[in-house]
Amino acid sequence: MKIITLSEEQFNRFSENHRYGNLYQTTNYAKVMKQEGFHYHLLGFTNNSNELIGATMVLFKKTFLNYKVAYAPFGFLIDYSNNDLIEELTNKLKKLLIKQKFIYLKMNPRIYCSERDRKGNILSYNPETNDILEILQRNGYIHNGFNNFFENQKPRWNAVLRLTASNERLYKNLSKQTRNKISKATRKGVEIYEGTEKDLDILYEFIKKKHNRSLKYYKNVLKEFHEDAKIYLAKINTQSYVKKSKEEYEAELKMNEQMNENLQKASRRGKDITRIINKKMESDKRLTKCQNNLVQATNYFSNYPDGLIIGGLLAIKYQNGMNLIIEGFDPKYRSFNPNYLLKWEIIKKLNLEEYKYFNLNGIVGEFKEKNKYSGLNEMKLGYNASAMEYIGEFDLIINKTVYNLYQTKSEKSKKEK
């Protein structure tokens, strides 16, 4: 085996056709991270016939005593079930990287372990997982565990919706809560539209506190991924909100008046009016709510006649699917449920355009015990997405002496903080 440097064209062609290919193993992502202070290698692995049998994009930067750390996002593009291949590659890779003053290499292969439903019940599992784990550990890759939260560079669990049915069927498959929130957003005049690069400043206001990423980073994502990077925004159409609120109020008022007439007639005839009174009281509550909505809608229209943007998200297309990168909304408008309608409108659009999946990004692997991420799981899995579990993160130590010093320094820094 030889380790060679690939051109951008060679690497992208191989990555696009590999079973583990993903948007993070692309030159687009490498260029984004270069603007964040990283360097990168495009490495190819060839056999004795000079055939390309593997590849990886490796990010790296200097970090400690002029030594470097490396990261292969979502792992090498290689056959992990072939022990001889992994052994030979690892030995050659370590010899190469130690000469270049690397401390260790981190990777998180896109090897799936299990697929689960929203309650955590296993739908399928990968019978190769244990064998692959054993092969990697045998060859010096330290597994960082089957953690269930957000301890790694990238989430070990993702919510992935396969687009294999009609939009009508997809809607029926949504959880009751998800359907209710989508309906509520629509009734409140929320509309979804595709933005442009000019809208990034608006989107950034909703997402800037979620991750330690600058506006410049997201500008570079749009620049490097070109038309594959999409911005979607949720906007209250205040005129529509007034119209729908008025229609709801008038419909409930008409029903309430009819109930009042029924109540008076039943009372004159000496009938049992308990059931009618209860229904009238429920209608009174709905009428008050409709009236409040109408007042709110009128105020919004007065203050924002051209509408009000309250949320958005950034997604990236990769081959036949779409990947949610980050989303956010103004918490003042939480009751408008922009995040629910955003994803649903995108799902419908993707399905009509014959995409195969929508990756809703990270969730957690704890389904039984209540935790601070339970709402996140409930929302994303509420679209009838599968909870996809991946094998996790590995560290390959290149220079053990420096690695131990580096780890000691890192632990000391954590304690001081």
Protein backbone atom coordinates (compact mmCIF):
# COMPACT_ATOMS: atom_id res chain seq x y z
CA MET A 1 0.00 0.00 0.00
CA LYS A 2 1.04 3.57 -0.70
CA ILE A 3 -0.28 6.79 0.80
CA ILE A 4 -0.43 9.47 -1.85
CA THR A 5 -1.68 13.04 -2.19
CA LEU A 6 -4.84 13.38 -4.27
CA SER A 7 -5.98 16.29 -6.37
CA GLU A 8 -9.30 17.89 -5.49
CA GLU A 9 -10.92 16.25 -8.49
CA GLN A 10 -9.55 12.79 -7.61
CA PHE A 11 -10.63 13.08 -4.00
CA ASN A 12 -14.13 14.38 -4.69
CA ARG A 13 -14.76 11.70 -7.31
CA PHE A 14 -13.75 8.95 -4.90
CA SER A 15 -15.66 10.43 -1.96
CA GLU A 16 -18.87 10.87 -3.92
CA ASN A 17 -18.91 7.21 -4.89
CA HIS A 18 -17.87 5.68 -1.57
CA ARG A 19 -20.37 4.09 0.81
CA TYR A 20 -19.12 6.29 3.65
CA GLY A 21 -18.97 9.48 1.58
CA ASN A 22 -20.45 12.50 3.34
CA LEU A 23 -20.48 16.30 3.14
CA TYR A 24 -17.70 16.58 5.74
CA GLN A 25 -15.37 14.48 3.59
CA THR A 26 -15.39 17.03 0.78
CA THR A 27 -13.01 19.71 -0.39
CA ASN A 28 -15.84 22.20 0.17
CA TYR A 29 -15.77 21.53 3.90
CA ALA A 30 -11.95 21.48 3.92
CA LYS A 31 -11.89 24.99 2.45
CA VAL A 32 -14.40 26.24 5.01
CA MET A 33 -12.21 24.93 7.82
CA LYS A 34 -9.10 26.41 6.23
CA GLN A 35 -10.64 29.82 6.84
CA GLU A 36 -10.99 28.77 10.50
CA GLY A 37 -7.25 28.28 10.86
CA PHE A 38 -6.92 24.62 9.84
CA HIS A 39 -4.77 23.08 7.13
CA TYR A 40 -5.77 19.93 5.30
CA HIS A 41 -4.41 16.92 3.45
CA LEU A 42 -6.25 14.99 0.75
CA LEU A 43 -4.81 11.50 1.15
CA GLY A 44 -5.33 8.49 -1.06
CA PHE A 45 -4.54 4.84 -0.29
CA THR A 46 -3.49 2.64 -3.20
CA ASN A 47 -2.87 -1.10 -3.47
CA ASN A 48 0.05 -2.83 -5.20
CA SER A 49 -1.66 -2.29 -8.56
CA ASN A 50 -1.83 1.45 -7.90
CA GLU A 51 -5.62 1.27 -7.62
CA LEU A 52 -7.22 3.73 -5.26
CA ILE A 53 -8.80 1.70 -2.45
CA GLY A 54 -9.34 4.41 0.15
CA ALA A 55 -9.06 8.11 0.88
CA THR A 56 -9.55 10.72 3.55
CA MET A 57 -9.54 14.44 4.07
CA VAL A 58 -7.56 15.24 7.23
CA LEU A 59 -7.80 18.59 8.99
CA PHE A 60 -4.89 19.64 11.18
CA LYS A 61 -3.38 22.55 13.09
CA LYS A 62 -0.47 23.24 15.40
CA THR A 63 -1.53 23.17 19.01
CA PHE A 64 1.17 22.16 21.53
CA LEU A 65 4.96 22.66 21.48
CA ASN A 66 4.77 23.16 17.71
CA TYR A 67 3.17 19.70 17.32
CA LYS A 68 -0.03 19.10 15.39
CA VAL A 69 -3.34 17.36 16.02
CA ALA A 70 -5.38 15.86 13.18
CA TYR A 71 -9.04 15.16 12.60
CA ALA A 72 -10.57 13.03 9.86
CA PRO A 73 -14.23 14.17 9.99
CA PHE A 74 -16.52 11.13 9.80
CA GLY A 75 -13.51 8.91 9.33
CA PHE A 76 -11.57 7.35 6.49
CA LEU A 77 -13.32 6.28 3.32
CA ILE A 78 -12.18 2.68 3.45
CA ASP A 79 -13.31 -0.88 4.13
CA TYR A 80 -13.22 -1.08 7.92
CA SER A 81 -14.04 -4.80 7.95
CA ASN A 82 -10.69 -5.70 6.33
CA ASN A 83 -8.24 -6.18 9.20
CA ASP A 84 -5.16 -6.55 6.98
CA LEU A 85 -6.03 -3.33 5.18
CA ILE A 86 -6.58 -1.39 8.42
CA GLU A 87 -3.36 -2.78 9.92
CA GLU A 88 -1.22 -1.84 6.93
CA LEU A 89 -2.82 1.57 6.54
CA THR A 90 -2.44 2.41 10.22
CA ASN A 91 1.23 1.47 10.32
CA LYS A 92 2.05 3.53 7.25
CA LEU A 93 -0.08 6.43 8.41
CA LYS A 94 1.62 6.56 11.80
CA LYS A 95 5.09 6.53 10.18
CA LEU A 96 4.04 9.37 7.88
CA LEU A 97 2.41 11.52 10.58
CA ILE A 98 5.13 11.13 13.18
CA LYS A 99 7.63 12.58 10.71
CA GLN A 100 5.33 15.57 10.33
CA LYS A 101 5.15 16.09 14.13
CA PHE A 102 1.59 14.94 14.76
CA ILE A 103 0.46 14.03 18.27
CA TYR A 104 -2.69 12.06 17.46
CA LEU A 105 -5.43 11.68 14.89
CA LYS A 106 -9.11 11.74 15.78
CA MET A 107 -11.84 10.24 13.60
CA ASN A 108 -15.51 9.29 13.87
CA PRO A 109 -16.39 6.84 11.07
CA ARG A 110 -19.88 7.00 9.57
CA ILE A 111 -20.51 3.37 10.53
CA TYR A 112 -24.04 2.86 11.76
CA CYS A 113 -24.69 0.64 14.78
CA SER A 114 -28.47 0.68 15.05
CA GLU A 115 -31.64 2.33 13.82
CA ARG A 116 -34.35 3.06 16.40
CA ASP A 117 -37.84 4.52 16.55
CA ARG A 118 -38.81 7.60 18.57
CA LYS A 119 -39.13 5.51 21.74
CA GLY A 120 -35.69 3.98 21.36
CA ASN A 121 -36.88 0.56 20.18
CA ILE A 122 -34.40 -1.10 17.81
CA LEU A 123 -35.62 -1.35 14.22
CA SER A 124 -32.38 -2.74 12.79
CA TYR A 125 -28.74 -3.17 13.74
CA ASN A 126 -25.42 -3.54 11.97
CA PRO A 127 -24.00 -7.05 12.52
CA GLU A 128 -20.51 -5.79 11.54
CA THR A 129 -20.26 -3.23 14.34
CA ASN A 130 -18.55 -5.40 16.94
CA ASP A 131 -16.09 -6.86 14.41
CA ILE A 132 -15.16 -3.40 13.13
CA LEU A 133 -14.77 -2.08 16.66
CA GLU A 134 -12.47 -5.00 17.50
CA ILE A 135 -10.37 -4.45 14.36
CA LEU A 136 -9.91 -0.75 15.08
CA GLN A 137 -9.04 -1.30 18.74
CA ARG A 138 -6.65 -4.10 17.84
CA ASN A 139 -4.81 -1.64 15.61
CA GLY A 140 -4.43 1.05 18.23
CA TYR A 141 -7.56 3.16 17.80
CA ILE A 142 -8.86 4.21 21.22
CA HIS A 143 -12.65 4.21 21.29
CA ASN A 144 -14.15 7.13 23.24
CA GLY A 145 -17.20 5.10 24.16
CA PHE A 146 -20.83 4.64 23.16
CA ASN A 147 -21.83 7.95 24.70
CA ASN A 148 -25.42 9.15 24.42
CA PHE A 149 -25.07 12.92 24.53
CA PHE A 150 -22.91 15.56 22.83
CA GLU A 151 -19.47 14.64 24.13
CA ASN A 152 -17.86 14.20 20.69
CA GLN A 153 -16.79 16.45 17.82
CA LYS A 154 -19.98 15.50 15.99
CA PRO A 155 -23.16 13.98 17.47
CA ARG A 156 -23.06 10.17 17.68
CA TRP A 157 -26.84 10.08 17.18
CA ASN A 158 -28.73 11.67 14.28
CA ALA A 159 -32.41 11.91 13.38
CA VAL A 160 -32.83 10.88 9.73
CA LEU A 161 -36.10 10.94 7.81
CA ARG A 162 -36.28 8.74 4.75
CA LEU A 163 -38.46 10.21 2.03
CA THR A 164 -40.17 7.07 0.77
CA ALA A 165 -43.86 8.04 0.74
CA SER A 166 -46.22 10.75 -0.51
CA ASN A 167 -46.47 14.03 1.34
CA GLU A 168 -49.93 13.01 2.52
CA ARG A 169 -48.56 9.82 4.03
CA LEU A 170 -45.57 11.65 5.54
CA TYR A 171 -47.98 14.05 7.23
CA LYS A 172 -50.05 11.21 8.67
CA ASN A 173 -46.88 9.66 10.04
CA LEU A 174 -46.02 12.79 12.05
CA SER A 175 -46.61 12.67 15.78
CA LYS A 176 -49.84 14.30 16.99
CA GLN A 177 -47.87 17.04 18.72
CA THR A 178 -45.91 17.81 15.56
CA ARG A 179 -49.07 18.06 13.47
CA ASN A 180 -50.69 20.33 16.06
CA LYS A 181 -47.70 22.69 16.13
CA ILE A 182 -47.49 22.83 12.35
CA SER A 183 -51.20 23.63 12.21
CA LYS A 184 -50.86 26.31 14.87
CA ALA A 185 -47.97 27.96 13.01
CA THR A 186 -50.03 28.04 9.82
CA ARG A 187 -53.05 29.54 11.61
CA LYS A 188 -50.82 32.27 13.01
CA GLY A 189 -49.77 33.30 9.51
CA VAL A 190 -46.25 31.81 9.55
CA GLU A 191 -44.87 31.24 6.06
CA ILE A 192 -41.59 29.67 4.91
CA TYR A 193 -39.43 30.91 2.08
CA GLU A 194 -35.96 30.26 0.72
CA GLY A 195 -33.51 33.02 1.49
CA THR A 196 -30.29 34.15 -0.17
CA GLU A 197 -26.81 35.06 1.00
CA LYS A 198 -28.18 38.54 1.76
CA ASP A 199 -30.38 36.99 4.47
CA LEU A 200 -27.47 35.43 6.36
CA ASP A 201 -27.22 38.39 8.76
CA ILE A 202 -30.86 37.82 9.73
CA LEU A 203 -30.37 34.08 10.20
CA TYR A 204 -27.22 34.63 12.23
CA GLU A 205 -29.18 36.58 14.86
CA PHE A 206 -31.16 33.40 15.57
CA ILE A 207 -28.19 31.00 15.69
CA LYS A 208 -25.20 32.98 16.98
CA LYS A 209 -25.62 31.82 20.59
CA LYS A 210 -26.04 28.13 19.73
CA HIS A 211 -22.47 27.41 18.66
CA ASN A 212 -19.14 29.16 18.87
CA ARG A 213 -19.18 30.04 15.17
CA SER A 214 -18.68 33.49 13.69
CA LEU A 215 -20.75 35.08 10.95
CA LYS A 216 -17.66 34.73 8.77
CA TYR A 217 -17.80 30.94 9.18
CA TYR A 218 -21.33 30.74 7.79
CA LYS A 219 -20.43 33.12 4.98
CA ASN A 220 -17.67 30.72 4.03
CA VAL A 221 -20.10 27.77 4.15
CA LEU A 222 -22.32 29.55 1.62
CA LYS A 223 -19.31 30.47 -0.48
CA GLU A 224 -17.73 27.01 -0.61
CA PHE A 225 -20.88 24.88 -0.90
CA HIS A 226 -22.39 27.24 -3.48
CA GLU A 227 -25.94 26.34 -4.52
CA ASP A 228 -25.93 23.25 -2.28
CA ALA A 229 -26.09 25.48 0.82
CA LYS A 230 -29.65 26.65 1.50
CA ILE A 231 -31.10 29.26 3.85
CA TYR A 232 -34.76 28.97 4.81
CA LEU A 233 -36.59 31.59 6.85
CA ALA A 234 -39.86 31.63 8.79
CA LYS A 235 -41.85 34.84 8.53
CA ILE A 236 -45.11 35.96 10.08
CA ASN A 237 -47.28 37.27 7.25
CA THR A 238 -49.07 39.75 9.47
CA GLN A 239 -51.78 40.46 6.93
CA SER A 240 -52.52 36.76 6.66
CA TYR A 241 -52.41 36.44 10.46
CA VAL A 242 -55.13 39.11 10.78
CA LYS A 243 -57.26 37.46 8.09
CA LYS A 244 -57.03 33.98 9.61
CA SER A 245 -57.57 35.25 13.14
CA LYS A 246 -60.66 37.16 12.04
CA GLU A 247 -62.04 34.08 10.28
CA GLU A 248 -61.48 31.93 13.36
CA TYR A 249 -63.06 34.53 15.62
CA GLU A 250 -66.13 34.93 13.42
CA ALA A 251 -66.58 31.17 13.06
CA GLU A 252 -66.36 30.66 16.84
CA LEU A 253 -68.65 33.63 17.51
CA LYS A 254 -71.28 32.18 15.18
CA MET A 255 -71.03 28.81 16.94
CA ASN A 256 -71.19 30.47 20.35
CA GLU A 257 -74.33 32.40 19.44
CA GLN A 258 -75.95 29.22 18.16
CA MET A 259 -75.14 27.48 21.46
CA ASN A 260 -76.68 30.39 23.35
CA GLU A 261 -79.89 29.99 21.36
CA ASN A 262 -79.90 26.25 22.01
CA LEU A 263 -79.40 26.91 25.70
CA GLN A 264 -82.37 29.29 25.86
CA LYS A 265 -84.65 26.91 23.95
CA ALA A 266 -83.70 23.94 26.15
CA SER A 267 -84.23 26.02 29.27
CA ARG A 268 -87.77 27.04 28.20
CA ARG A 269 -88.66 23.39 27.53
CA GLY A 270 -87.38 22.24 30.90
CA LYS A 271 -84.71 19.95 29.45
CA ASP A 272 -81.45 18.97 31.12
CA ILE A 273 -79.10 21.74 30.04
CA THR A 274 -75.88 20.56 31.78
CA ARG A 275 -74.28 19.23 28.59
CA ILE A 276 -75.20 22.37 26.63
CA ILE A 277 -73.82 24.63 29.37
CA ASN A 278 -70.51 22.74 29.36
CA LYS A 279 -70.21 23.09 25.60
CA LYS A 280 -71.09 26.79 25.85
CA MET A 281 -68.40 27.32 28.48
CA GLU A 282 -65.80 25.60 26.27
CA SER A 283 -66.85 27.81 23.38
CA ASP A 284 -66.59 30.91 25.59
CA LYS A 285 -62.96 29.99 26.35
CA ARG A 286 -62.18 29.45 22.67
CA LEU A 287 -63.90 32.71 21.78
CA THR A 288 -61.79 34.64 24.29
CA LYS A 289 -58.65 33.01 22.89
CA CYS A 290 -59.69 33.86 19.32
CA GLN A 291 -60.38 37.43 20.35
CA ASN A 292 -56.96 37.74 21.96
CA ASN A 293 -55.35 36.31 18.82
CA LEU A 294 -57.18 38.85 16.68
CA VAL A 295 -56.02 41.72 18.90
CA GLN A 296 -52.44 40.38 18.76
CA ALA A 297 -52.59 39.91 14.99
CA THR A 298 -53.92 43.44 14.51
CA ASN A 299 -51.11 44.86 16.62
CA TYR A 300 -48.49 42.90 14.67
CA PHE A 301 -49.92 44.11 11.38
CA SER A 302 -49.86 47.69 12.65
CA ASN A 303 -46.21 47.40 13.74
CA TYR A 304 -44.96 45.09 10.97
CA PRO A 305 -47.11 45.60 7.87
CA ASP A 306 -44.46 43.90 5.69
CA GLY A 307 -44.20 40.88 7.98
CA LEU A 308 -41.75 39.75 10.65
CA ILE A 309 -39.00 37.14 10.29
CA ILE A 310 -38.85 35.02 13.46
CA GLY A 311 -36.63 32.02 12.64
CA GLY A 312 -34.56 30.17 10.11
CA LEU A 313 -32.13 27.40 9.33
CA LEU A 314 -29.15 26.49 7.20
CA ALA A 315 -29.04 23.17 5.35
CA ILE A 316 -26.63 21.62 2.86
CA LYS A 317 -27.48 19.27 0.03
CA TYR A 318 -25.21 16.26 -0.36
CA GLN A 319 -25.88 13.95 -3.29
CA ASN A 320 -29.50 12.75 -2.92
CA GLY A 321 -30.20 14.15 0.55
CA MET A 322 -30.32 17.30 2.62
CA ASN A 323 -28.51 17.87 5.91
CA LEU A 324 -29.69 20.33 8.54
CA ILE A 325 -26.64 22.24 9.78
CA ILE A 326 -28.13 24.67 12.29
CA GLU A 327 -31.47 26.28 13.11
CA GLY A 328 -32.79 28.91 15.48
CA PHE A 329 -35.68 31.26 16.21
CA ASP A 330 -36.54 34.29 18.32
CA PRO A 331 -37.72 32.87 21.68
CA LYS A 332 -40.24 35.73 21.97
CA TYR A 333 -42.20 34.00 19.20
CA ARG A 334 -41.92 30.45 20.48
CA SER A 335 -45.73 30.09 20.45
CA PHE A 336 -45.67 30.55 16.67
CA ASN A 337 -43.70 27.27 16.33
CA PRO A 338 -41.55 28.46 13.40
CA ASN A 339 -39.06 25.58 13.85
CA TYR A 340 -41.79 22.97 13.32
CA LEU A 341 -43.23 24.54 10.19
CA LEU A 342 -39.75 25.24 8.78
CA LYS A 343 -38.77 21.59 8.73
CA TRP A 344 -42.15 20.39 7.51
CA GLU A 345 -42.21 22.75 4.53
CA ILE A 346 -38.66 21.71 3.63
CA ILE A 347 -39.61 18.03 3.92
CA LYS A 348 -42.51 18.52 1.49
CA LYS A 349 -40.28 20.37 -0.95
CA LEU A 350 -37.51 17.77 -0.78
CA ASN A 351 -39.98 14.95 -1.29
CA LEU A 352 -41.48 16.56 -4.39
CA GLU A 353 -37.97 17.04 -5.77
CA GLU A 354 -37.26 13.32 -5.17
CA TYR A 355 -34.61 13.67 -2.51
CA LYS A 356 -34.08 10.43 -0.59
CA TYR A 357 -33.54 11.67 2.97
CA PHE A 358 -33.48 14.66 5.30
CA ASN A 359 -30.88 14.45 8.08
CA LEU A 360 -32.20 16.55 10.96
CA ASN A 361 -28.79 16.40 12.68
CA GLY A 362 -27.96 15.62 16.28
CA ILE A 363 -30.15 14.05 18.94
CA VAL A 364 -29.30 12.08 22.07
CA GLY A 365 -29.39 8.35 22.71
CA GLU A 366 -31.32 8.53 25.97
CA PHE A 367 -34.97 7.68 25.33
CA LYS A 368 -36.21 6.45 28.72
CA GLU A 369 -34.99 8.93 31.32
CA LYS A 370 -36.13 12.57 31.14
CA ASN A 371 -33.20 14.87 30.37
CA LYS A 372 -32.55 18.39 29.13
CA TYR A 373 -32.50 17.15 25.52
CA SER A 374 -35.81 15.26 25.67
CA GLY A 375 -37.56 18.14 23.89
CA LEU A 376 -34.97 18.06 21.11
CA ASN A 377 -35.56 14.35 20.52
CA GLU A 378 -39.32 14.78 20.72
CA MET A 379 -39.27 17.49 18.08
CA LYS A 380 -36.91 15.87 15.57
CA LEU A 381 -38.21 12.31 15.95
CA GLY A 382 -41.75 13.69 15.81
CA TYR A 383 -41.36 13.85 12.01
CA ASN A 384 -41.22 10.04 12.10
CA ALA A 385 -37.47 10.21 11.60
CA SER A 386 -35.31 7.28 12.66
CA ALA A 387 -32.76 7.63 15.44
CA MET A 388 -29.51 6.55 13.77
CA GLU A 389 -26.72 5.46 16.09
CA TYR A 390 -23.12 5.58 14.82
CA ILE A 391 -20.03 3.85 16.12
CA GLY A 392 -18.50 6.93 17.73
CA GLU A 393 -15.13 8.60 18.04
CA PHE A 394 -11.61 7.14 18.01
CA ASP A 395 -8.15 8.52 18.77
CA LEU A 396 -5.06 7.12 17.09
CA ILE A 397 -1.97 8.11 19.10
CA ILE A 398 0.96 9.02 16.88
CA ASN A 399 3.49 10.23 19.46
CA LYS A 400 2.74 8.67 22.83
CA THR A 401 5.22 10.76 24.87
CA VAL A 402 3.95 14.09 23.57
CA TYR A 403 0.35 12.82 23.73
CA ASN A 404 0.68 12.14 27.46
CA LEU A 405 2.12 15.62 28.03
CA TYR A 406 -0.66 17.13 25.93
CA GLN A 407 -3.36 15.26 27.87
CA THR A 408 -1.86 16.35 31.20
CA LYS A 409 -1.85 19.98 30.06
CA SER A 410 -5.47 19.68 28.82
CA GLU A 411 -6.66 18.21 32.12
CA LYS A 412 -4.86 20.94 34.06
CA SER A 413 -6.48 23.65 31.92
CA LYS A 414 -9.95 22.13 32.53
CA LYS A 415 -9.41 22.15 36.31
CA GLU A 416 -8.23 25.75 36.26
CA LYS A 417 -11.40 26.77 34.40
